[in-house]
């Protein structure tokens, strides 16, 4: 986790924990099907990451090369028209991010007190979005934390379908 994973409306300086960008030139929409979120390490001295938020933007020309998504049909990192963003700056973005809604995620500190060492408590939350969020060309969808910190780590991911505009 980086301090830049913090919720912000300043898109050009933000870095999502995980995000998806649909290039303006793409001829497909991304229908978000599922999201996965879990805190994997939470040191005793860590700043509580707070809640998680889904933030969105439209009309973007993000130039960040990003991370090639894994195609679930071929099991290769190719074939998608989308750009995956994993803790990467939204280079080229302009304007502001909007908070779409909170993301359901387990914060083990809120339930069990401070986790240390091998204390159990990790839980992966799977959110069934089922196409309720559509990312059009030029659109961005990303996961952010509610509070700043740099020592917690997360596992997160997205599953989507790409359909013609």
Foldseek 3Di string as FASTA:
>chain_A
DALLLADDFFQQSHAFQKKKAQALPDQWKKQWFKKKKKWDDFAQPWDQLAFKFKKKDAQFHFPDQAFQDQDPVVRDSDDDNMHMGHRDGRHRGDGTIGTPGTDDYDRQCVPPNGDHDPDDRMDMDMDGCGRVDMADHRMMIGMGTHGGTDPIHMDMDTDIDIDGD
